[in-house]
């Protein structure tokens, strides 16, 4: 499987199943997509503001739900293997991405695995074990959380620096060397704790060491 990032802005995610797994999936996608959860009952859990519809669809009604929601992705998270199988079959027939929460390990071509993620926007790190070990994914995610603190601020800082150097006509090789030096500078990382202006000042010193230019 190859990890990709998918923009769900303006899209609908259809979740079958109102248990805790369904709630977790709904929370994940509700940060960006419209999420519709269909289930005869719902767990006492946070669904992230998703729209909940109390209904007990049988396999013959799955097509109707697809027609109503027009989803970009469907999550089969019921405790009925036959229903999940039907949901997956309809999704494949319609070319809709599908995630089955009752399958682990090997997957059919076209399947979606939702990875554990860590965010410090705009930086996103994802961990997946191919569905084999969600517990390991969670452990690795916790470790990564400690490693990417301030990564979002560093991404924004170096994005600004790269654009400015490009605007000043700095040659590409020199520009890349300067940005790499900033990313690898412990002093800049430390300065990020004091805010972007301070980090920017320290980064300017690092860049001048690379380019020989003083500001």
N, C-alpha and C. Protein backbone atom coordinates (compact mmCIF):
# COMPACT_ATOMS: atom_id res chain seq x y z
N UNK A 1 0.84 -1.18 0.00
CA UNK A 1 0.00 0.00 0.00
C UNK A 1 0.88 1.24 0.00
N UNK A 2 0.41 2.31 -0.64
CA UNK A 2 1.15 3.56 -0.73
C UNK A 2 0.39 4.66 0.00
N UNK A 3 0.99 5.31 1.00
CA UNK A 3 0.28 6.37 1.72
C UNK A 3 0.10 7.60 0.85
N UNK A 4 -1.12 8.17 0.90
CA UNK A 4 -1.44 9.39 0.18
C UNK A 4 -2.19 10.32 1.13
N UNK A 5 -2.16 11.61 0.86
CA UNK A 5 -2.99 12.56 1.58
C UNK A 5 -4.16 12.94 0.68
N UNK A 6 -5.36 12.91 1.20
CA UNK A 6 -6.55 13.20 0.40
C UNK A 6 -7.27 14.39 1.01
N UNK A 7 -7.59 15.37 0.19
CA UNK A 7 -8.32 16.56 0.63
C UNK A 7 -9.83 16.25 0.61
N UNK A 8 -10.46 16.18 1.78
CA UNK A 8 -11.88 15.88 1.86
C UNK A 8 -12.75 17.12 2.01
N UNK A 9 -12.15 18.28 1.82
CA UNK A 9 -12.93 19.52 1.92
C UNK A 9 -14.05 19.50 0.88
N UNK A 10 -15.28 19.69 1.33
CA UNK A 10 -16.42 19.68 0.41
C UNK A 10 -16.93 18.29 0.07
N UNK A 11 -16.31 17.26 0.62
CA UNK A 11 -16.71 15.89 0.34
C UNK A 11 -17.56 15.34 1.49
N UNK A 12 -18.23 14.22 1.22
CA UNK A 12 -19.03 13.53 2.23
C UNK A 12 -18.42 12.17 2.53
N UNK A 13 -18.34 11.86 3.82
CA UNK A 13 -17.90 10.53 4.26
C UNK A 13 -19.11 9.86 4.92
N UNK A 14 -19.42 8.66 4.46
CA UNK A 14 -20.57 7.91 4.96
C UNK A 14 -20.07 6.79 5.86
N UNK A 15 -20.50 6.80 7.11
CA UNK A 15 -20.07 5.80 8.09
C UNK A 15 -21.26 4.92 8.46
N UNK A 16 -21.14 3.62 8.26
CA UNK A 16 -22.14 2.67 8.73
C UNK A 16 -21.64 2.09 10.04
N UNK A 17 -22.39 2.33 11.12
CA UNK A 17 -21.99 1.79 12.41
C UNK A 17 -21.78 2.90 13.42
N UNK A 18 -22.55 2.83 14.54
CA UNK A 18 -22.49 3.89 15.53
C UNK A 18 -21.79 3.50 16.81
N UNK A 19 -20.94 2.47 16.74
CA UNK A 19 -20.16 2.08 17.92
C UNK A 19 -18.96 2.99 18.12
N UNK A 20 -18.08 2.61 19.02
CA UNK A 20 -16.93 3.47 19.31
C UNK A 20 -15.97 3.56 18.13
N UNK A 21 -15.88 2.48 17.35
CA UNK A 21 -15.03 2.54 16.16
C UNK A 21 -15.62 3.51 15.14
N UNK A 22 -16.93 3.42 14.95
CA UNK A 22 -17.58 4.37 14.04
C UNK A 22 -17.42 5.80 14.50
N UNK A 23 -17.51 6.00 15.84
CA UNK A 23 -17.33 7.35 16.38
C UNK A 23 -15.92 7.87 16.13
N UNK A 24 -14.93 7.00 16.31
CA UNK A 24 -13.54 7.42 16.08
C UNK A 24 -13.30 7.81 14.62
N UNK A 25 -13.87 7.02 13.72
CA UNK A 25 -13.73 7.34 12.29
C UNK A 25 -14.44 8.66 11.97
N UNK A 26 -15.64 8.82 12.55
CA UNK A 26 -16.40 10.05 12.28
C UNK A 26 -15.62 11.28 12.76
N UNK A 27 -15.03 11.20 13.95
CA UNK A 27 -14.24 12.33 14.47
C UNK A 27 -13.08 12.65 13.54
N UNK A 28 -12.44 11.61 13.04
CA UNK A 28 -11.27 11.82 12.19
C UNK A 28 -11.63 12.62 10.94
N UNK A 29 -12.73 12.22 10.30
CA UNK A 29 -13.06 12.86 9.02
C UNK A 29 -13.85 14.16 9.18
N UNK A 30 -14.53 14.32 10.33
CA UNK A 30 -15.37 15.50 10.52
C UNK A 30 -14.55 16.79 10.60
N UNK A 31 -13.25 16.70 10.83
CA UNK A 31 -12.42 17.90 10.86
C UNK A 31 -12.35 18.55 9.49
N UNK A 32 -12.73 17.81 8.45
CA UNK A 32 -12.62 18.37 7.10
C UNK A 32 -13.85 18.10 6.24
N UNK A 33 -14.47 16.93 6.40
CA UNK A 33 -15.57 16.53 5.51
C UNK A 33 -16.91 16.61 6.23
N UNK A 34 -17.98 16.61 5.43
CA UNK A 34 -19.31 16.36 5.99
C UNK A 34 -19.38 14.86 6.27
N UNK A 35 -19.78 14.50 7.48
CA UNK A 35 -19.81 13.09 7.85
C UNK A 35 -21.23 12.70 8.25
N UNK A 36 -21.71 11.62 7.66
CA UNK A 36 -23.03 11.08 7.94
C UNK A 36 -22.85 9.69 8.54
N UNK A 37 -23.38 9.47 9.76
CA UNK A 37 -23.26 8.17 10.43
C UNK A 37 -24.64 7.53 10.49
N UNK A 38 -24.75 6.32 9.98
CA UNK A 38 -26.02 5.59 9.96
C UNK A 38 -25.91 4.39 10.88
N UNK A 39 -26.82 4.31 11.83
CA UNK A 39 -26.76 3.20 12.78
C UNK A 39 -28.08 3.11 13.54
N UNK A 40 -28.50 1.89 13.93
CA UNK A 40 -29.73 1.78 14.74
C UNK A 40 -29.55 2.32 16.15
N UNK A 41 -28.31 2.40 16.63
CA UNK A 41 -28.04 2.97 17.95
C UNK A 41 -26.62 3.53 17.96
N UNK A 42 -26.39 4.42 18.92
CA UNK A 42 -25.09 5.10 18.96
C UNK A 42 -24.44 4.96 20.34
N UNK A 43 -23.15 4.75 20.32
CA UNK A 43 -22.40 4.65 21.56
C UNK A 43 -22.36 6.02 22.24
N UNK A 44 -22.15 6.00 23.55
CA UNK A 44 -21.97 7.24 24.30
C UNK A 44 -20.53 7.72 24.04
N UNK A 45 -20.35 8.36 22.89
CA UNK A 45 -19.01 8.75 22.45
C UNK A 45 -19.11 10.04 21.64
N UNK A 46 -17.98 10.67 21.45
CA UNK A 46 -17.89 11.90 20.67
C UNK A 46 -17.82 11.55 19.18
N UNK A 47 -18.79 12.04 18.42
CA UNK A 47 -18.80 11.78 16.97
C UNK A 47 -18.28 12.99 16.19
N UNK A 48 -17.69 13.93 16.88
CA UNK A 48 -17.05 15.05 16.19
C UNK A 48 -17.99 15.97 15.44
N UNK A 49 -19.25 16.03 15.86
CA UNK A 49 -20.19 16.90 15.16
C UNK A 49 -20.79 16.27 13.92
N UNK A 50 -20.55 14.97 13.70
CA UNK A 50 -21.11 14.30 12.53
C UNK A 50 -22.63 14.22 12.63
N UNK A 51 -23.28 14.20 11.49
CA UNK A 51 -24.74 14.03 11.43
C UNK A 51 -25.05 12.56 11.69
N UNK A 52 -25.91 12.29 12.65
CA UNK A 52 -26.26 10.91 12.98
C UNK A 52 -27.68 10.61 12.57
N UNK A 53 -27.86 9.50 11.88
CA UNK A 53 -29.18 9.08 11.41
C UNK A 53 -29.48 7.72 12.02
N UNK A 54 -30.55 7.66 12.81
CA UNK A 54 -30.89 6.40 13.46
C UNK A 54 -31.68 5.53 12.47
N UNK A 55 -31.05 4.50 11.98
CA UNK A 55 -31.66 3.59 11.01
C UNK A 55 -30.87 2.29 11.02
N UNK A 56 -31.55 1.21 10.63
CA UNK A 56 -30.91 -0.10 10.60
C UNK A 56 -30.92 -0.63 9.17
N UNK A 57 -30.01 -0.17 8.34
CA UNK A 57 -30.05 -0.58 6.94
C UNK A 57 -29.73 -2.06 6.78
N UNK A 58 -30.46 -2.73 5.91
CA UNK A 58 -30.09 -4.11 5.59
C UNK A 58 -29.33 -4.08 4.27
N UNK A 59 -28.73 -5.19 3.88
CA UNK A 59 -27.89 -5.19 2.67
C UNK A 59 -28.59 -4.67 1.42
N UNK A 60 -29.92 -4.90 1.32
CA UNK A 60 -30.64 -4.45 0.12
C UNK A 60 -30.81 -2.94 0.07
N UNK A 61 -30.57 -2.25 1.18
CA UNK A 61 -30.79 -0.80 1.24
C UNK A 61 -29.49 0.00 1.11
N UNK A 62 -28.37 -0.69 1.02
CA UNK A 62 -27.08 0.02 1.00
C UNK A 62 -26.99 0.95 -0.20
N UNK A 63 -27.46 0.49 -1.35
CA UNK A 63 -27.40 1.34 -2.55
C UNK A 63 -28.15 2.65 -2.32
N UNK A 64 -29.29 2.56 -1.64
CA UNK A 64 -30.08 3.78 -1.40
C UNK A 64 -29.30 4.79 -0.56
N UNK A 65 -28.55 4.32 0.42
CA UNK A 65 -27.77 5.23 1.26
C UNK A 65 -26.64 5.90 0.47
N UNK A 66 -26.08 5.14 -0.46
CA UNK A 66 -25.06 5.72 -1.33
C UNK A 66 -25.67 6.81 -2.20
N UNK A 67 -26.88 6.55 -2.70
CA UNK A 67 -27.55 7.55 -3.53
C UNK A 67 -27.83 8.82 -2.73
N UNK A 68 -28.22 8.66 -1.47
CA UNK A 68 -28.57 9.81 -0.64
C UNK A 68 -27.34 10.64 -0.27
N UNK A 69 -26.25 9.95 0.04
CA UNK A 69 -25.07 10.66 0.58
C UNK A 69 -24.07 11.06 -0.50
N UNK A 70 -24.02 10.29 -1.60
CA UNK A 70 -23.00 10.53 -2.65
C UNK A 70 -21.61 10.68 -2.02
N UNK A 71 -21.15 9.66 -1.30
CA UNK A 71 -19.90 9.80 -0.53
C UNK A 71 -18.65 9.66 -1.40
N UNK A 72 -17.58 10.33 -0.92
CA UNK A 72 -16.25 10.12 -1.51
C UNK A 72 -15.58 8.93 -0.86
N UNK A 73 -15.97 8.65 0.38
CA UNK A 73 -15.41 7.52 1.14
C UNK A 73 -16.51 6.95 2.01
N UNK A 74 -16.55 5.63 2.12
CA UNK A 74 -17.49 4.98 3.01
C UNK A 74 -16.72 4.13 4.00
N UNK A 75 -17.18 4.15 5.25
CA UNK A 75 -16.57 3.34 6.30
C UNK A 75 -17.59 2.28 6.73
N UNK A 76 -17.20 1.02 6.62
CA UNK A 76 -18.05 -0.09 7.05
C UNK A 76 -17.60 -0.49 8.45
N UNK A 77 -18.33 -0.02 9.45
CA UNK A 77 -17.91 -0.24 10.84
C UNK A 77 -19.04 -0.87 11.65
N UNK A 78 -19.87 -1.70 11.01
CA UNK A 78 -20.94 -2.37 11.76
C UNK A 78 -20.38 -3.67 12.35
N UNK A 79 -21.18 -4.30 13.21
CA UNK A 79 -20.78 -5.59 13.77
C UNK A 79 -21.39 -6.75 12.98
N UNK A 80 -21.86 -6.45 11.78
CA UNK A 80 -22.48 -7.45 10.89
C UNK A 80 -21.55 -7.64 9.69
N UNK A 81 -20.84 -8.77 9.66
CA UNK A 81 -19.88 -9.01 8.58
C UNK A 81 -20.54 -9.03 7.21
N UNK A 82 -21.76 -9.59 7.13
CA UNK A 82 -22.47 -9.63 5.86
C UNK A 82 -22.82 -8.25 5.34
N UNK A 83 -23.23 -7.39 6.26
CA UNK A 83 -23.57 -6.01 5.86
C UNK A 83 -22.30 -5.27 5.43
N UNK A 84 -21.22 -5.45 6.19
CA UNK A 84 -19.96 -4.79 5.81
C UNK A 84 -19.50 -5.25 4.43
N UNK A 85 -19.69 -6.54 4.16
CA UNK A 85 -19.30 -7.07 2.85
C UNK A 85 -20.12 -6.44 1.75
N UNK A 86 -21.41 -6.26 1.99
CA UNK A 86 -22.27 -5.62 0.98
C UNK A 86 -21.88 -4.16 0.77
N UNK A 87 -21.58 -3.47 1.87
CA UNK A 87 -21.15 -2.06 1.76
C UNK A 87 -19.88 -1.96 0.91
N UNK A 88 -18.94 -2.87 1.15
CA UNK A 88 -17.69 -2.85 0.38
C UNK A 88 -17.97 -3.12 -1.10
N UNK A 89 -18.86 -4.09 -1.37
CA UNK A 89 -19.15 -4.44 -2.77
C UNK A 89 -19.79 -3.26 -3.50
N UNK A 90 -20.73 -2.57 -2.84
CA UNK A 90 -21.38 -1.43 -3.48
C UNK A 90 -20.36 -0.31 -3.73
N UNK A 91 -19.49 -0.08 -2.75
CA UNK A 91 -18.47 0.95 -2.91
C UNK A 91 -17.58 0.65 -4.11
N UNK A 92 -17.17 -0.58 -4.25
CA UNK A 92 -16.29 -0.94 -5.37
C UNK A 92 -17.01 -0.79 -6.71
N UNK A 93 -18.27 -1.20 -6.74
CA UNK A 93 -19.04 -1.05 -7.98
C UNK A 93 -19.14 0.41 -8.41
N UNK A 94 -19.19 1.31 -7.42
CA UNK A 94 -19.38 2.73 -7.71
C UNK A 94 -18.06 3.52 -7.73
N UNK A 95 -16.95 2.84 -7.49
CA UNK A 95 -15.67 3.54 -7.50
C UNK A 95 -15.47 4.44 -6.31
N UNK A 96 -16.11 4.09 -5.18
CA UNK A 96 -15.99 4.89 -3.95
C UNK A 96 -14.94 4.25 -3.05
N UNK A 97 -14.10 5.07 -2.44
CA UNK A 97 -13.11 4.57 -1.50
C UNK A 97 -13.81 3.90 -0.33
N UNK A 98 -13.25 2.79 0.17
CA UNK A 98 -13.92 2.06 1.25
C UNK A 98 -12.90 1.61 2.30
N UNK A 99 -13.31 1.78 3.54
CA UNK A 99 -12.53 1.32 4.68
C UNK A 99 -13.40 0.35 5.49
N UNK A 100 -12.95 -0.91 5.61
CA UNK A 100 -13.66 -1.88 6.44
C UNK A 100 -12.92 -2.04 7.75
N UNK A 101 -13.61 -1.79 8.83
CA UNK A 101 -12.94 -1.84 10.13
C UNK A 101 -12.86 -3.25 10.70
N UNK A 102 -13.54 -4.20 10.04
CA UNK A 102 -13.50 -5.58 10.54
C UNK A 102 -12.49 -6.42 9.79
N UNK A 103 -11.64 -5.79 8.98
CA UNK A 103 -10.59 -6.51 8.27
C UNK A 103 -9.23 -6.03 8.75
N UNK A 104 -8.35 -6.97 8.96
CA UNK A 104 -7.02 -6.63 9.43
C UNK A 104 -5.99 -7.41 8.61
N UNK A 105 -4.79 -6.88 8.54
CA UNK A 105 -3.75 -7.54 7.77
C UNK A 105 -3.93 -7.32 6.28
N UNK A 106 -3.99 -8.41 5.49
CA UNK A 106 -4.09 -8.30 4.04
C UNK A 106 -5.37 -7.60 3.61
N UNK A 107 -5.28 -6.82 2.55
CA UNK A 107 -6.42 -6.06 2.03
C UNK A 107 -6.57 -6.30 0.54
N UNK A 108 -7.82 -6.13 0.08
CA UNK A 108 -8.06 -6.20 -1.35
C UNK A 108 -7.56 -4.92 -2.01
N UNK A 109 -7.19 -5.00 -3.31
CA UNK A 109 -6.75 -3.78 -4.03
C UNK A 109 -7.83 -2.70 -3.97
N UNK A 110 -7.40 -1.46 -3.75
CA UNK A 110 -8.32 -0.34 -3.68
C UNK A 110 -8.81 -0.03 -2.29
N UNK A 111 -8.43 -0.85 -1.30
CA UNK A 111 -8.89 -0.62 0.06
C UNK A 111 -8.18 0.59 0.67
N UNK A 112 -8.84 1.17 1.66
CA UNK A 112 -8.29 2.32 2.37
C UNK A 112 -8.00 1.93 3.82
N UNK A 113 -6.82 2.22 4.29
CA UNK A 113 -6.48 2.08 5.70
C UNK A 113 -6.31 3.48 6.25
N UNK A 114 -6.97 3.78 7.34
CA UNK A 114 -6.88 5.10 7.95
C UNK A 114 -5.74 5.07 8.97
N UNK A 115 -4.65 5.79 8.71
CA UNK A 115 -3.48 5.68 9.60
C UNK A 115 -3.64 6.49 10.87
N UNK A 116 -2.84 6.15 11.86
CA UNK A 116 -2.72 7.01 13.04
C UNK A 116 -1.94 8.25 12.61
N UNK A 117 -2.39 9.42 13.03
CA UNK A 117 -1.74 10.65 12.58
C UNK A 117 -1.37 11.55 13.74
N UNK A 118 -0.35 12.34 13.51
CA UNK A 118 0.09 13.37 14.45
C UNK A 118 0.16 14.67 13.66
N UNK A 119 -0.42 15.73 14.23
CA UNK A 119 -0.48 17.00 13.50
C UNK A 119 0.17 18.12 14.29
N UNK A 120 0.93 18.91 13.60
CA UNK A 120 1.35 20.23 14.06
C UNK A 120 1.29 21.08 12.80
N UNK A 121 0.06 21.44 12.41
CA UNK A 121 -0.17 22.05 11.09
C UNK A 121 0.85 23.13 10.75
N UNK A 122 1.31 23.08 9.50
CA UNK A 122 0.86 22.25 8.38
C UNK A 122 1.55 20.89 8.28
N UNK A 123 2.28 20.50 9.31
CA UNK A 123 2.98 19.22 9.28
C UNK A 123 2.04 18.10 9.74
N UNK A 124 2.02 17.01 8.98
CA UNK A 124 1.24 15.84 9.35
C UNK A 124 2.13 14.61 9.21
N UNK A 125 2.18 13.80 10.27
CA UNK A 125 2.91 12.53 10.22
C UNK A 125 1.91 11.41 10.40
N UNK A 126 2.01 10.38 9.58
CA UNK A 126 1.07 9.27 9.63
C UNK A 126 1.83 7.97 9.82
N UNK A 127 1.22 7.07 10.59
CA UNK A 127 1.80 5.76 10.84
C UNK A 127 0.75 4.70 10.51
N UNK A 128 1.13 3.71 9.74
CA UNK A 128 0.21 2.62 9.42
C UNK A 128 0.97 1.30 9.46
N UNK A 129 0.28 0.27 9.88
CA UNK A 129 0.87 -1.06 9.89
C UNK A 129 0.12 -1.98 8.92
N UNK A 130 -0.51 -1.38 7.92
CA UNK A 130 -1.29 -2.16 6.97
C UNK A 130 -2.52 -2.78 7.59
N UNK A 131 -2.95 -2.21 8.71
CA UNK A 131 -4.11 -2.74 9.42
C UNK A 131 -3.78 -3.92 10.32
N UNK A 132 -2.49 -4.32 10.37
CA UNK A 132 -2.10 -5.50 11.15
C UNK A 132 -2.07 -5.22 12.64
N UNK A 133 -1.69 -4.01 13.05
CA UNK A 133 -1.50 -3.76 14.47
C UNK A 133 -1.83 -2.31 14.82
N UNK A 134 -3.11 -1.99 14.99
CA UNK A 134 -3.47 -0.62 15.41
C UNK A 134 -2.80 -0.21 16.71
N UNK A 135 -2.57 -1.16 17.63
CA UNK A 135 -1.92 -0.82 18.90
C UNK A 135 -0.50 -0.31 18.66
N UNK A 136 0.22 -0.93 17.73
CA UNK A 136 1.57 -0.47 17.42
C UNK A 136 1.53 0.91 16.78
N UNK A 137 0.53 1.14 15.92
CA UNK A 137 0.38 2.47 15.30
C UNK A 137 0.21 3.54 16.35
N UNK A 138 -0.63 3.26 17.35
CA UNK A 138 -0.86 4.24 18.41
C UNK A 138 0.41 4.50 19.22
N UNK A 139 1.17 3.46 19.50
CA UNK A 139 2.41 3.63 20.26
C UNK A 139 3.40 4.51 19.49
N UNK A 140 3.56 4.20 18.21
CA UNK A 140 4.50 4.98 17.39
C UNK A 140 4.02 6.42 17.25
N UNK A 141 2.71 6.60 17.16
CA UNK A 141 2.18 7.96 17.08
C UNK A 141 2.54 8.77 18.32
N UNK A 142 2.42 8.14 19.49
CA UNK A 142 2.76 8.84 20.74
C UNK A 142 4.23 9.24 20.76
N UNK A 143 5.09 8.38 20.24
CA UNK A 143 6.52 8.71 20.21
C UNK A 143 6.80 9.85 19.23
N UNK A 144 6.12 9.82 18.10
CA UNK A 144 6.34 10.87 17.09
C UNK A 144 5.85 12.22 17.61
N UNK A 145 4.78 12.21 18.41
CA UNK A 145 4.26 13.47 18.96
C UNK A 145 5.34 14.26 19.67
N UNK A 146 6.22 13.56 20.36
CA UNK A 146 7.29 14.24 21.09
C UNK A 146 8.36 14.76 20.14
N UNK A 147 8.49 14.12 18.99
CA UNK A 147 9.57 14.47 18.06
C UNK A 147 9.23 15.65 17.16
N UNK A 148 7.94 15.90 16.93
CA UNK A 148 7.59 16.94 15.94
C UNK A 148 7.07 18.22 16.59
N UNK A 149 7.30 18.38 17.88
CA UNK A 149 6.90 19.65 18.52
C UNK A 149 7.58 20.81 17.80
N UNK A 150 6.84 21.84 17.46
CA UNK A 150 7.30 23.04 16.74
C UNK A 150 7.60 22.79 15.26
N UNK A 151 7.31 21.57 14.78
CA UNK A 151 7.57 21.30 13.36
C UNK A 151 6.69 22.18 12.47
N UNK A 152 5.47 22.46 12.91
CA UNK A 152 4.60 23.32 12.11
C UNK A 152 5.17 24.71 11.96
N UNK A 153 5.68 25.27 13.07
CA UNK A 153 6.28 26.60 13.02
C UNK A 153 7.53 26.60 12.16
N UNK A 154 8.31 25.52 12.24
CA UNK A 154 9.51 25.43 11.41
C UNK A 154 9.14 25.35 9.93
N UNK A 155 8.08 24.63 9.61
CA UNK A 155 7.65 24.52 8.21
C UNK A 155 7.25 25.89 7.66
N UNK A 156 6.51 26.65 8.47
CA UNK A 156 6.09 27.98 8.01
C UNK A 156 7.28 28.91 7.87
N UNK A 157 8.21 28.85 8.83
CA UNK A 157 9.39 29.71 8.77
C UNK A 157 10.24 29.43 7.54
N UNK A 158 10.53 28.16 7.30
CA UNK A 158 11.38 27.83 6.16
C UNK A 158 10.65 28.03 4.84
N UNK A 159 9.31 27.91 4.86
CA UNK A 159 8.56 28.22 3.64
C UNK A 159 8.71 29.69 3.28
N UNK A 160 8.63 30.56 4.29
CA UNK A 160 8.81 32.00 4.05
C UNK A 160 10.22 32.30 3.56
N UNK A 161 11.21 31.67 4.21
CA UNK A 161 12.60 31.91 3.85
C UNK A 161 12.87 31.47 2.41
N UNK A 162 12.38 30.30 2.06
CA UNK A 162 12.60 29.79 0.70
C UNK A 162 12.00 30.73 -0.34
N UNK A 163 10.78 31.24 -0.06
CA UNK A 163 10.15 32.16 -1.01
C UNK A 163 10.94 33.46 -1.13
N UNK A 164 11.43 33.96 -0.01
CA UNK A 164 12.18 35.22 -0.04
C UNK A 164 13.52 35.06 -0.78
N UNK A 165 14.21 33.96 -0.53
CA UNK A 165 15.48 33.72 -1.21
C UNK A 165 15.26 33.58 -2.72
N UNK A 166 14.17 32.92 -3.07
CA UNK A 166 13.84 32.77 -4.49
C UNK A 166 13.56 34.13 -5.10
N UNK A 167 12.83 34.97 -4.35
CA UNK A 167 12.52 36.31 -4.84
C UNK A 167 13.75 37.19 -5.00
N UNK A 168 14.76 36.93 -4.19
CA UNK A 168 16.01 37.69 -4.26
C UNK A 168 16.96 37.15 -5.33
N UNK A 169 16.56 36.08 -5.99
CA UNK A 169 17.38 35.52 -7.06
C UNK A 169 18.55 34.68 -6.59
N UNK A 170 18.47 34.19 -5.35
CA UNK A 170 19.54 33.32 -4.85
C UNK A 170 19.53 32.02 -5.66
N UNK A 171 20.68 31.57 -6.13
CA UNK A 171 20.73 30.34 -6.94
C UNK A 171 20.12 29.15 -6.20
N UNK A 172 19.49 28.23 -6.94
CA UNK A 172 18.79 27.10 -6.30
C UNK A 172 19.66 26.29 -5.34
N UNK A 173 20.88 25.98 -5.73
CA UNK A 173 21.73 25.16 -4.86
C UNK A 173 22.03 25.88 -3.55
N UNK A 174 22.31 27.16 -3.65
CA UNK A 174 22.59 27.95 -2.45
C UNK A 174 21.33 28.10 -1.59
N UNK A 175 20.20 28.23 -2.26
CA UNK A 175 18.92 28.35 -1.54
C UNK A 175 18.62 27.07 -0.76
N UNK A 176 18.81 25.93 -1.42
CA UNK A 176 18.56 24.66 -0.74
C UNK A 176 19.50 24.48 0.44
N UNK A 177 20.76 24.86 0.27
CA UNK A 177 21.73 24.72 1.36
C UNK A 177 21.35 25.59 2.55
N UNK A 178 20.87 26.80 2.27
CA UNK A 178 20.48 27.71 3.35
C UNK A 178 19.29 27.17 4.12
N UNK A 179 18.28 26.67 3.40
CA UNK A 179 17.09 26.14 4.07
C UNK A 179 17.45 24.89 4.87
N UNK A 180 18.30 24.03 4.30
CA UNK A 180 18.72 22.84 5.04
C UNK A 180 19.44 23.23 6.32
N UNK A 181 20.28 24.25 6.24
CA UNK A 181 21.02 24.69 7.43
C UNK A 181 20.08 25.20 8.51
N UNK A 182 19.01 25.90 8.11
CA UNK A 182 18.04 26.40 9.09
C UNK A 182 17.30 25.23 9.74
N UNK A 183 16.86 24.28 8.92
CA UNK A 183 16.11 23.13 9.46
C UNK A 183 16.96 22.34 10.45
N UNK A 184 18.27 22.27 10.19
CA UNK A 184 19.15 21.45 11.04
C UNK A 184 19.75 22.25 12.19
N UNK A 185 19.42 23.49 12.32
CA UNK A 185 20.02 24.33 13.36
C UNK A 185 19.30 24.17 14.70
N UNK A 186 20.01 23.68 15.69
CA UNK A 186 19.42 23.56 17.02
C UNK A 186 19.04 24.93 17.57
N UNK A 187 19.83 25.94 17.22
CA UNK A 187 19.56 27.30 17.72
C UNK A 187 18.21 27.82 17.20
N UNK A 188 17.90 27.52 15.94
CA UNK A 188 16.61 27.97 15.39
C UNK A 188 15.46 27.22 16.05
N UNK A 189 15.62 25.91 16.21
CA UNK A 189 14.56 25.13 16.88
C UNK A 189 14.31 25.67 18.28
N UNK A 190 15.38 25.98 18.99
CA UNK A 190 15.22 26.51 20.35
C UNK A 190 14.55 27.89 20.33
N UNK A 191 14.92 28.70 19.34
CA UNK A 191 14.34 30.05 19.24
C UNK A 191 12.85 30.03 18.92
N UNK A 192 12.38 28.95 18.30
CA UNK A 192 10.94 28.84 18.00
C UNK A 192 10.10 28.89 19.27
N UNK A 193 10.69 28.48 20.39
CA UNK A 193 9.94 28.54 21.66
C UNK A 193 9.66 29.98 22.07
N UNK A 194 10.48 30.93 21.54
CA UNK A 194 10.32 32.34 21.89
C UNK A 194 9.50 33.10 20.85
N UNK A 195 8.99 32.39 19.85
CA UNK A 195 8.16 33.04 18.84
C UNK A 195 8.87 33.17 17.50
N UNK A 196 8.07 33.41 16.49
CA UNK A 196 8.59 33.45 15.12
C UNK A 196 9.59 34.58 14.88
N UNK A 197 9.37 35.81 15.42
CA UNK A 197 10.36 36.88 15.17
C UNK A 197 11.76 36.51 15.65
N UNK A 198 11.84 35.92 16.85
CA UNK A 198 13.15 35.51 17.37
C UNK A 198 13.76 34.42 16.50
N UNK A 199 12.95 33.44 16.14
CA UNK A 199 13.45 32.36 15.29
C UNK A 199 13.92 32.91 13.95
N UNK A 200 13.19 33.88 13.43
CA UNK A 200 13.57 34.47 12.15
C UNK A 200 14.93 35.17 12.25
N UNK A 201 15.17 35.84 13.38
CA UNK A 201 16.44 36.52 13.59
C UNK A 201 17.60 35.53 13.64
N UNK A 202 17.39 34.44 14.38
CA UNK A 202 18.44 33.41 14.47
C UNK A 202 18.65 32.75 13.12
N UNK A 203 17.56 32.50 12.40
CA UNK A 203 17.67 31.88 11.08
C UNK A 203 18.47 32.76 10.12
N UNK A 204 18.30 34.10 10.25
CA UNK A 204 19.04 35.01 9.37
C UNK A 204 20.55 34.85 9.57
N UNK A 205 20.97 34.64 10.82
CA UNK A 205 22.39 34.43 11.10
C UNK A 205 22.88 33.12 10.47
N UNK A 206 22.05 32.10 10.55
CA UNK A 206 22.41 30.81 9.96
C UNK A 206 22.54 30.94 8.45
N UNK A 207 21.61 31.65 7.84
CA UNK A 207 21.62 31.82 6.38
C UNK A 207 22.85 32.62 5.94
N UNK A 208 23.21 33.63 6.70
CA UNK A 208 24.37 34.44 6.31
C UNK A 208 25.65 33.62 6.35
N UNK A 209 25.69 32.63 7.25
CA UNK A 209 26.87 31.76 7.28
C UNK A 209 26.97 30.92 6.01
N UNK A 210 25.81 30.63 5.41
CA UNK A 210 25.80 29.80 4.20
C UNK A 210 26.04 30.65 2.95
N UNK A 211 25.36 31.79 2.89
CA UNK A 211 25.40 32.60 1.67
C UNK A 211 26.51 33.65 1.67
N UNK A 212 27.00 33.96 2.89
CA UNK A 212 28.01 35.00 2.99
C UNK A 212 27.42 36.39 2.97
N UNK A 213 26.07 36.44 2.86
CA UNK A 213 25.38 37.73 2.85
C UNK A 213 24.99 38.10 4.27
N UNK A 214 25.06 39.38 4.60
CA UNK A 214 24.61 39.87 5.90
C UNK A 214 23.40 40.77 5.70
N UNK A 215 22.44 40.67 6.64
CA UNK A 215 21.23 41.47 6.52
C UNK A 215 21.27 42.64 7.48
